[in-house]
Amino acid sequence: CAASGSIFSNNVMGWYRQAPGKQRELVATIHSGGNTNY
């Protein structure tokens, strides 16, 4: 996932997924400082 424009230094990037008929759910996140969550 490539971002254009400035997302600034203090941020969290993440992945979500949505299957047909289901709610969108969190898959994983990563903080700009490096901490991850799954």
ModelCIF file with pLDDT and N, C-alpha, C, O atoms, coordinates in Angstrom:
data_MODEL
#
_entry.id   MODEL 
#
_entity.id                         1 
_entity.type                       polymer 
_entity.pdbx_number_of_molecules   1 
#
_entity_poly.entity_id                      1 
_entity_poly.type                           'polypeptide(L)' 
_entity_poly.nstd_linkage                   no 
_entity_poly.nstd_monomer                   no 
_entity_poly.pdbx_seq_one_letter_code       CAASGSIFSNNVMGWYRQAPGKQRELVATIHSGGNTNY 
_entity_poly.pdbx_seq_one_letter_code_can   CAASGSIFSNNVMGWYRQAPGKQRELVATIHSGGNTNY 
_entity_poly.pdbx_strand_id                 A 
#
loop_
_entity_poly_seq.entity_id 
_entity_poly_seq.num 
_entity_poly_seq.mon_id 
_entity_poly_seq.hetero 
1 1  CYS n 
1 2  ALA n 
1 3  ALA n 
1 4  SER n 
1 5  GLY n 
1 6  SER n 
1 7  ILE n 
1 8  PHE n 
1 9  SER n 
1 10 ASN n 
1 11 ASN n 
1 12 VAL n 
1 13 MET n 
1 14 GLY n 
1 15 TRP n 
1 16 TYR n 
1 17 ARG n 
1 18 GLN n 
1 19 ALA n 
1 20 PRO n 
1 21 GLY n 
1 22 LYS n 
1 23 GLN n 
1 24 ARG n 
1 25 GLU n 
1 26 LEU n 
1 27 VAL n 
1 28 ALA n 
1 29 THR n 
1 30 ILE n 
1 31 HIS n 
1 32 SER n 
1 33 GLY n 
1 34 GLY n 
1 35 ASN n 
1 36 THR n 
1 37 ASN n 
1 38 TYR n 
#
_struct_asym.id          A 
_struct_asym.entity_id   1 
#
loop_
_ma_qa_metric.id 
_ma_qa_metric.mode 
_ma_qa_metric.name 
_ma_qa_metric.software_group_id 
_ma_qa_metric.type 
1 global pLDDT . pLDDT 
2 local  pLDDT . pLDDT 
#
_ma_qa_metric_global.metric_id      1 
_ma_qa_metric_global.metric_value   93.34 
_ma_qa_metric_global.model_id       1 
_ma_qa_metric_global.ordinal_id     1 
#
loop_
_ma_qa_metric_local.label_asym_id 
_ma_qa_metric_local.label_comp_id 
_ma_qa_metric_local.label_seq_id 
_ma_qa_metric_local.metric_id 
_ma_qa_metric_local.metric_value 
_ma_qa_metric_local.model_id 
_ma_qa_metric_local.ordinal_id 
A CYS 1  2 97.00 1 1  
A ALA 2  2 95.00 1 2  
A ALA 3  2 92.00 1 3  
A SER 4  2 91.00 1 4  
A GLY 5  2 81.00 1 5  
A SER 6  2 77.00 1 6  
A ILE 7  2 74.00 1 7  
A PHE 8  2 77.00 1 8  
A SER 9  2 82.00 1 9  
A ASN 10 2 91.00 1 10 
A ASN 11 2 92.00 1 11 
A VAL 12 2 95.00 1 12 
A MET 13 2 95.00 1 13 
A GLY 14 2 97.00 1 14 
A TRP 15 2 98.00 1 15 
A TYR 16 2 98.00 1 16 
A ARG 17 2 98.00 1 17 
A GLN 18 2 98.00 1 18 
A ALA 19 2 97.00 1 19 
A PRO 20 2 92.00 1 20 
A GLY 21 2 94.00 1 21 
A LYS 22 2 96.00 1 22 
A GLN 23 2 97.00 1 23 
A ARG 24 2 97.00 1 24 
A GLU 25 2 98.00 1 25 
A LEU 26 2 98.00 1 26 
A VAL 27 2 98.00 1 27 
A ALA 28 2 98.00 1 28 
A THR 29 2 98.00 1 29 
A ILE 30 2 97.00 1 30 
A HIS 31 2 95.00 1 31 
A SER 32 2 91.00 1 32 
A GLY 33 2 90.00 1 33 
A GLY 34 2 93.00 1 34 
A ASN 35 2 96.00 1 35 
A THR 36 2 98.00 1 36 
A ASN 37 2 98.00 1 37 
A TYR 38 2 98.00 1 38 
#
loop_
_atom_site.group_PDB 
_atom_site.id 
_atom_site.type_symbol 
_atom_site.label_atom_id 
_atom_site.label_alt_id 
_atom_site.label_comp_id 
_atom_site.label_asym_id 
_atom_site.label_entity_id 
_atom_site.label_seq_id 
_atom_site.pdbx_PDB_ins_code 
_atom_site.Cartn_x 
_atom_site.Cartn_y 
_atom_site.Cartn_z 
_atom_site.occupancy 
_atom_site.B_iso_or_equiv 
_atom_site.pdbx_formal_charge 
_atom_site.auth_seq_id 
_atom_site.auth_comp_id 
_atom_site.auth_asym_id 
_atom_site.auth_atom_id 
_atom_site.pdbx_PDB_model_num 
ATOM 1   N N  . CYS A 1 1  ? 0.858   -1.178  0.000  1.00 97.00 ? 1  CYS A N  1 
ATOM 2   C CA . CYS A 1 1  ? 0.000   0.000   0.000  1.00 97.00 ? 1  CYS A CA 1 
ATOM 3   C C  . CYS A 1 1  ? 0.893   1.226   0.000  1.00 97.00 ? 1  CYS A C  1 
ATOM 4   O O  . CYS A 1 1  ? 1.587   1.503   0.978  1.00 97.00 ? 1  CYS A O  1 
ATOM 5   N N  . ALA A 1 2  ? 0.869   1.951   -1.095 1.00 95.00 ? 2  ALA A N  1 
ATOM 6   C CA . ALA A 1 2  ? 1.691   3.139   -1.249 1.00 95.00 ? 2  ALA A CA 1 
ATOM 7   C C  . ALA A 1 2  ? 0.856   4.385   -1.004 1.00 95.00 ? 2  ALA A C  1 
ATOM 8   O O  . ALA A 1 2  ? -0.235  4.534   -1.556 1.00 95.00 ? 2  ALA A O  1 
ATOM 9   N N  . ALA A 1 3  ? 1.368   5.261   -0.185 1.00 92.00 ? 3  ALA A N  1 
ATOM 10  C CA . ALA A 1 3  ? 0.682   6.502   0.149  1.00 92.00 ? 3  ALA A CA 1 
ATOM 11  C C  . ALA A 1 3  ? 1.331   7.672   -0.571 1.00 92.00 ? 3  ALA A C  1 
ATOM 12  O O  . ALA A 1 3  ? 2.555   7.804   -0.596 1.00 92.00 ? 3  ALA A O  1 
ATOM 13  N N  . SER A 1 4  ? 0.502   8.508   -1.147 1.00 91.00 ? 4  SER A N  1 
ATOM 14  C CA . SER A 1 4  ? 0.965   9.761   -1.725 1.00 91.00 ? 4  SER A CA 1 
ATOM 15  C C  . SER A 1 4  ? 0.555   10.899  -0.812 1.00 91.00 ? 4  SER A C  1 
ATOM 16  O O  . SER A 1 4  ? -0.475  10.830  -0.141 1.00 91.00 ? 4  SER A O  1 
ATOM 17  N N  . GLY A 1 5  ? 1.354   11.932  -0.790 1.00 81.00 ? 5  GLY A N  1 
ATOM 18  C CA . GLY A 1 5  ? 1.109   13.012  0.135  1.00 81.00 ? 5  GLY A CA 1 
ATOM 19  C C  . GLY A 1 5  ? 1.735   12.717  1.484  1.00 81.00 ? 5  GLY A C  1 
ATOM 20  O O  . GLY A 1 5  ? 2.199   11.603  1.724  1.00 81.00 ? 5  GLY A O  1 
ATOM 21  N N  . SER A 1 6  ? 1.752   13.684  2.348  1.00 77.00 ? 6  SER A N  1 
ATOM 22  C CA . SER A 1 6  ? 2.376   13.545  3.655  1.00 77.00 ? 6  SER A CA 1 
ATOM 23  C C  . SER A 1 6  ? 1.418   12.918  4.654  1.00 77.00 ? 6  SER A C  1 
ATOM 24  O O  . SER A 1 6  ? 0.304   13.405  4.853  1.00 77.00 ? 6  SER A O  1 
ATOM 25  N N  . ILE A 1 7  ? 1.864   11.818  5.290  1.00 74.00 ? 7  ILE A N  1 
ATOM 26  C CA . ILE A 1 7  ? 1.063   11.192  6.343  1.00 74.00 ? 7  ILE A CA 1 
ATOM 27  C C  . ILE A 1 7  ? 1.600   11.550  7.724  1.00 74.00 ? 7  ILE A C  1 
ATOM 28  O O  . ILE A 1 7  ? 1.075   11.098  8.741  1.00 74.00 ? 7  ILE A O  1 
ATOM 29  N N  . PHE A 1 8  ? 2.650   12.367  7.748  1.00 77.00 ? 8  PHE A N  1 
ATOM 30  C CA . PHE A 1 8  ? 3.244   12.855  8.987  1.00 77.00 ? 8  PHE A CA 1 
ATOM 31  C C  . PHE A 1 8  ? 3.924   11.743  9.773  1.00 77.00 ? 8  PHE A C  1 
ATOM 32  O O  . PHE A 1 8  ? 3.774   10.563  9.454  1.00 77.00 ? 8  PHE A O  1 
ATOM 33  N N  . SER A 1 9  ? 4.667   12.124  10.796 1.00 82.00 ? 9  SER A N  1 
ATOM 34  C CA . SER A 1 9  ? 5.540   11.183  11.480 1.00 82.00 ? 9  SER A CA 1 
ATOM 35  C C  . SER A 1 9  ? 4.840   10.361  12.552 1.00 82.00 ? 9  SER A C  1 
ATOM 36  O O  . SER A 1 9  ? 5.184   9.196   12.749 1.00 82.00 ? 9  SER A O  1 
ATOM 37  N N  . ASN A 1 10 ? 3.885   10.926  13.235 1.00 91.00 ? 10 ASN A N  1 
ATOM 38  C CA . ASN A 1 10 ? 3.183   10.236  14.311 1.00 91.00 ? 10 ASN A CA 1 
ATOM 39  C C  . ASN A 1 10 ? 1.889   9.633   13.761 1.00 91.00 ? 10 ASN A C  1 
ATOM 40  O O  . ASN A 1 10 ? 0.856   10.301  13.702 1.00 91.00 ? 10 ASN A O  1 
ATOM 41  N N  . ASN A 1 11 ? 1.961   8.363   13.361 1.00 92.00 ? 11 ASN A N  1 
ATOM 42  C CA . ASN A 1 11 ? 0.810   7.760   12.703 1.00 92.00 ? 11 ASN A CA 1 
ATOM 43  C C  . ASN A 1 11 ? 0.805   6.257   12.893 1.00 92.00 ? 11 ASN A C  1 
ATOM 44  O O  . ASN A 1 11 ? 1.793   5.657   13.318 1.00 92.00 ? 11 ASN A O  1 
ATOM 45  N N  . VAL A 1 12 ? -0.325  5.671   12.568 1.00 95.00 ? 12 VAL A N  1 
ATOM 46  C CA . VAL A 1 12 ? -0.485  4.224   12.537 1.00 95.00 ? 12 VAL A CA 1 
ATOM 47  C C  . VAL A 1 12 ? -0.975  3.828   11.153 1.00 95.00 ? 12 VAL A C  1 
ATOM 48  O O  . VAL A 1 12 ? -1.947  4.395   10.653 1.00 95.00 ? 12 VAL A O  1 
ATOM 49  N N  . MET A 1 13 ? -0.312  2.864   10.532 1.00 95.00 ? 13 MET A N  1 
ATOM 50  C CA . MET A 1 13 ? -0.763  2.306   9.271  1.00 95.00 ? 13 MET A CA 1 
ATOM 51  C C  . MET A 1 13 ? -1.273  0.898   9.531  1.00 95.00 ? 13 MET A C  1 
ATOM 52  O O  . MET A 1 13 ? -0.742  0.182   10.380 1.00 95.00 ? 13 MET A O  1 
ATOM 53  N N  . GLY A 1 14 ? -2.300  0.511   8.801  1.00 97.00 ? 14 GLY A N  1 
ATOM 54  C CA . GLY A 1 14 ? -2.881  -0.781  9.075  1.00 97.00 ? 14 GLY A CA 1 
ATOM 55  C C  . GLY A 1 14 ? -3.530  -1.425  7.874  1.00 97.00 ? 14 GLY A C  1 
ATOM 56  O O  . GLY A 1 14 ? -3.720  -0.807  6.826  1.00 97.00 ? 14 GLY A O  1 
ATOM 57  N N  . TRP A 1 15 ? -3.865  -2.693  8.063  1.00 98.00 ? 15 TRP A N  1 
ATOM 58  C CA . TRP A 1 15 ? -4.600  -3.475  7.084  1.00 98.00 ? 15 TRP A CA 1 
ATOM 59  C C  . TRP A 1 15 ? -5.888  -3.971  7.704  1.00 98.00 ? 15 TRP A C  1 
ATOM 60  O O  . TRP A 1 15 ? -5.900  -4.466  8.831  1.00 98.00 ? 15 TRP A O  1 
ATOM 61  N N  . TYR A 1 16 ? -6.965  -3.836  6.963  1.00 98.00 ? 16 TYR A N  1 
ATOM 62  C CA . TYR A 1 16 ? -8.267  -4.359  7.327  1.00 98.00 ? 16 TYR A CA 1 
ATOM 63  C C  . TYR A 1 16 ? -8.752  -5.247  6.192  1.00 98.00 ? 16 TYR A C  1 
ATOM 64  O O  . TYR A 1 16 ? -8.239  -5.170  5.076  1.00 98.00 ? 16 TYR A O  1 
ATOM 65  N N  . ARG A 1 17 ? -9.734  -6.084  6.475  1.00 98.00 ? 17 ARG A N  1 
ATOM 66  C CA . ARG A 1 17 ? -10.293 -6.913  5.417  1.00 98.00 ? 17 ARG A CA 1 
ATOM 67  C C  . ARG A 1 17 ? -11.791 -7.051  5.614  1.00 98.00 ? 17 ARG A C  1 
ATOM 68  O O  . ARG A 1 17 ? -12.309 -6.949  6.726  1.00 98.00 ? 17 ARG A O  1 
ATOM 69  N N  . GLN A 1 18 ? -12.470 -7.287  4.500  1.00 98.00 ? 18 GLN A N  1 
ATOM 70  C CA . GLN A 1 18 ? -13.913 -7.446  4.521  1.00 98.00 ? 18 GLN A CA 1 
ATOM 71  C C  . GLN A 1 18 ? -14.320 -8.529  3.540  1.00 98.00 ? 18 GLN A C  1 
ATOM 72  O O  . GLN A 1 18 ? -14.097 -8.406  2.336  1.00 98.00 ? 18 GLN A O  1 
ATOM 73  N N  . ALA A 1 19 ? -14.915 -9.585  4.060  1.00 97.00 ? 19 ALA A N  1 
ATOM 74  C CA . ALA A 1 19 ? -15.441 -10.658 3.237  1.00 97.00 ? 19 ALA A CA 1 
ATOM 75  C C  . ALA A 1 19 ? -16.894 -10.355 2.893  1.00 97.00 ? 19 ALA A C  1 
ATOM 76  O O  . ALA A 1 19 ? -17.549 -9.601  3.613  1.00 97.00 ? 19 ALA A O  1 
ATOM 77  N N  . PRO A 1 20 ? -17.416 -10.929 1.800  1.00 92.00 ? 20 PRO A N  1 
ATOM 78  C CA . PRO A 1 20 ? -18.812 -10.683 1.434  1.00 92.00 ? 20 PRO A CA 1 
ATOM 79  C C  . PRO A 1 20 ? -19.767 -11.022 2.568  1.00 92.00 ? 20 PRO A C  1 
ATOM 80  O O  . PRO A 1 20 ? -19.697 -12.102 3.154  1.00 92.00 ? 20 PRO A O  1 
ATOM 81  N N  . GLY A 1 21 ? -20.650 -10.097 2.868  1.00 94.00 ? 21 GLY A N  1 
ATOM 82  C CA . GLY A 1 21 ? -21.626 -10.309 3.921  1.00 94.00 ? 21 GLY A CA 1 
ATOM 83  C C  . GLY A 1 21 ? -21.087 -10.165 5.329  1.00 94.00 ? 21 GLY A C  1 
ATOM 84  O O  . GLY A 1 21 ? -21.817 -10.391 6.294  1.00 94.00 ? 21 GLY A O  1 
ATOM 85  N N  . LYS A 1 22 ? -19.827 -9.796  5.466  1.00 96.00 ? 22 LYS A N  1 
ATOM 86  C CA . LYS A 1 22 ? -19.209 -9.660  6.775  1.00 96.00 ? 22 LYS A CA 1 
ATOM 87  C C  . LYS A 1 22 ? -18.793 -8.219  7.038  1.00 96.00 ? 22 LYS A C  1 
ATOM 88  O O  . LYS A 1 22 ? -18.667 -7.417  6.112  1.00 96.00 ? 22 LYS A O  1 
ATOM 89  N N  . GLN A 1 23 ? -18.582 -7.902  8.313  1.00 97.00 ? 23 GLN A N  1 
ATOM 90  C CA . GLN A 1 23 ? -18.097 -6.587  8.685  1.00 97.00 ? 23 GLN A CA 1 
ATOM 91  C C  . GLN A 1 23 ? -16.599 -6.470  8.406  1.00 97.00 ? 23 GLN A C  1 
ATOM 92  O O  . GLN A 1 23 ? -15.870 -7.461  8.416  1.00 97.00 ? 23 GLN A O  1 
ATOM 93  N N  . ARG A 1 24 ? -16.166 -5.254  8.162  1.00 97.00 ? 24 ARG A N  1 
ATOM 94  C CA . ARG A 1 24 ? -14.747 -5.015  8.003  1.00 97.00 ? 24 ARG A CA 1 
ATOM 95  C C  . ARG A 1 24 ? -14.051 -5.227  9.347  1.00 97.00 ? 24 ARG A C  1 
ATOM 96  O O  . ARG A 1 24 ? -14.524 -4.747  10.378 1.00 97.00 ? 24 ARG A O  1 
ATOM 97  N N  . GLU A 1 25 ? -12.931 -5.944  9.332  1.00 98.00 ? 25 GLU A N  1 
ATOM 98  C CA . GLU A 1 25 ? -12.230 -6.260  10.555 1.00 98.00 ? 25 GLU A CA 1 
ATOM 99  C C  . GLU A 1 25 ? -10.759 -5.889  10.466 1.00 98.00 ? 25 GLU A C  1 
ATOM 100 O O  . GLU A 1 25 ? -10.162 -5.882  9.389  1.00 98.00 ? 25 GLU A O  1 
ATOM 101 N N  . LEU A 1 26 ? -10.195 -5.583  11.612 1.00 98.00 ? 26 LEU A N  1 
ATOM 102 C CA . LEU A 1 26 ? -8.778  -5.273  11.703 1.00 98.00 ? 26 LEU A CA 1 
ATOM 103 C C  . LEU A 1 26 ? -7.945  -6.522  11.464 1.00 98.00 ? 26 LEU A C  1 
ATOM 104 O O  . LEU A 1 26 ? -8.243  -7.585  12.008 1.00 98.00 ? 26 LEU A O  1 
ATOM 105 N N  . VAL A 1 27 ? -6.908  -6.395  10.657 1.00 98.00 ? 27 VAL A N  1 
ATOM 106 C CA . VAL A 1 27 ? -5.959  -7.479  10.427 1.00 98.00 ? 27 VAL A CA 1 
ATOM 107 C C  . VAL A 1 27 ? -4.667  -7.220  11.191 1.00 98.00 ? 27 VAL A C  1 
ATOM 108 O O  . VAL A 1 27 ? -4.222  -8.061  11.972 1.00 98.00 ? 27 VAL A O  1 
ATOM 109 N N  . ALA A 1 28 ? -4.071  -6.063  10.965 1.00 98.00 ? 28 ALA A N  1 
ATOM 110 C CA . ALA A 1 28 ? -2.808  -5.731  11.609 1.00 98.00 ? 28 ALA A CA 1 
ATOM 111 C C  . ALA A 1 28 ? -2.570  -4.237  11.526 1.00 98.00 ? 28 ALA A C  1 
ATOM 112 O O  . ALA A 1 28 ? -3.050  -3.572  10.608 1.00 98.00 ? 28 ALA A O  1 
ATOM 113 N N  . THR A 1 29 ? -1.827  -3.715  12.487 1.00 98.00 ? 29 THR A N  1 
ATOM 114 C CA . THR A 1 29 ? -1.431  -2.309  12.476 1.00 98.00 ? 29 THR A CA 1 
ATOM 115 C C  . THR A 1 29 ? 0.042   -2.200  12.831 1.00 98.00 ? 29 THR A C  1 
ATOM 116 O O  . THR A 1 29 ? 0.612   -3.076  13.482 1.00 98.00 ? 29 THR A O  1 
ATOM 117 N N  . ILE A 1 30 ? 0.642   -1.109  12.392 1.00 97.00 ? 30 ILE A N  1 
ATOM 118 C CA . ILE A 1 30 ? 2.022   -0.822  12.741 1.00 97.00 ? 30 ILE A CA 1 
ATOM 119 C C  . ILE A 1 30 ? 2.166   0.671   12.974 1.00 97.00 ? 30 ILE A C  1 
ATOM 120 O O  . ILE A 1 30 ? 1.818   1.487   12.120 1.00 97.00 ? 30 ILE A O  1 
ATOM 121 N N  . HIS A 1 31 ? 2.679   1.010   14.135 1.00 95.00 ? 31 HIS A N  1 
ATOM 122 C CA . HIS A 1 31 ? 2.887   2.397   14.503 1.00 95.00 ? 31 HIS A CA 1 
ATOM 123 C C  . HIS A 1 31 ? 4.144   2.923   13.829 1.00 95.00 ? 31 HIS A C  1 
ATOM 124 O O  . HIS A 1 31 ? 5.031   2.154   13.457 1.00 95.00 ? 31 HIS A O  1 
ATOM 125 N N  . SER A 1 32 ? 4.212   4.236   13.677 1.00 91.00 ? 32 SER A N  1 
ATOM 126 C CA . SER A 1 32 ? 5.399   4.839   13.098 1.00 91.00 ? 32 SER A CA 1 
ATOM 127 C C  . SER A 1 32 ? 6.641   4.559   13.934 1.00 91.00 ? 32 SER A C  1 
ATOM 128 O O  . SER A 1 32 ? 7.760   4.604   13.423 1.00 91.00 ? 32 SER A O  1 
ATOM 129 N N  . GLY A 1 33 ? 6.445   4.266   15.235 1.00 90.00 ? 33 GLY A N  1 
ATOM 130 C CA . GLY A 1 33 ? 7.543   3.886   16.097 1.00 90.00 ? 33 GLY A CA 1 
ATOM 131 C C  . GLY A 1 33 ? 7.936   2.427   16.005 1.00 90.00 ? 33 GLY A C  1 
ATOM 132 O O  . GLY A 1 33 ? 8.947   2.024   16.578 1.00 90.00 ? 33 GLY A O  1 
ATOM 133 N N  . GLY A 1 34 ? 7.150   1.621   15.289 1.00 93.00 ? 34 GLY A N  1 
ATOM 134 C CA . GLY A 1 34 ? 7.505   0.238   15.045 1.00 93.00 ? 34 GLY A CA 1 
ATOM 135 C C  . GLY A 1 34 ? 6.654   -0.808  15.743 1.00 93.00 ? 34 GLY A C  1 
ATOM 136 O O  . GLY A 1 34 ? 6.714   -1.981  15.374 1.00 93.00 ? 34 GLY A O  1 
ATOM 137 N N  . ASN A 1 35 ? 5.869   -0.430  16.731 1.00 96.00 ? 35 ASN A N  1 
ATOM 138 C CA . ASN A 1 35 ? 5.035   -1.405  17.432 1.00 96.00 ? 35 ASN A CA 1 
ATOM 139 C C  . ASN A 1 35 ? 3.960   -1.957  16.513 1.00 96.00 ? 35 ASN A C  1 
ATOM 140 O O  . ASN A 1 35 ? 3.373   -1.220  15.720 1.00 96.00 ? 35 ASN A O  1 
ATOM 141 N N  . THR A 1 36 ? 3.703   -3.259  16.621 1.00 98.00 ? 36 THR A N  1 
ATOM 142 C CA . THR A 1 36 ? 2.727   -3.926  15.772 1.00 98.00 ? 36 THR A CA 1 
ATOM 143 C C  . THR A 1 36 ? 1.630   -4.571  16.599 1.00 98.00 ? 36 THR A C  1 
ATOM 144 O O  . THR A 1 36 ? 1.804   -4.855  17.784 1.00 98.00 ? 36 THR A O  1 
ATOM 145 N N  . ASN A 1 37 ? 0.501   -4.794  15.949 1.00 98.00 ? 37 ASN A N  1 
ATOM 146 C CA . ASN A 1 37 ? -0.633  -5.451  16.564 1.00 98.00 ? 37 ASN A CA 1 
ATOM 147 C C  . ASN A 1 37 ? -1.319  -6.295  15.507 1.00 98.00 ? 37 ASN A C  1 
ATOM 148 O O  . ASN A 1 37 ? -1.460  -5.871  14.360 1.00 98.00 ? 37 ASN A O  1 
ATOM 149 N N  . TYR A 1 38 ? -1.753  -7.511  15.899 1.00 98.00 ? 38 TYR A N  1 
ATOM 150 C CA . TYR A 1 38 ? -2.361  -8.438  14.954 1.00 98.00 ? 38 TYR A CA 1 
ATOM 151 C C  . TYR A 1 38 ? -3.658  -8.997  15.503 1.00 98.00 ? 38 TYR A C  1 
ATOM 152 O O  . TYR A 1 38 ? -4.314  -9.799  14.839 1.00 98.00 ? 38 TYR A O  1 
#
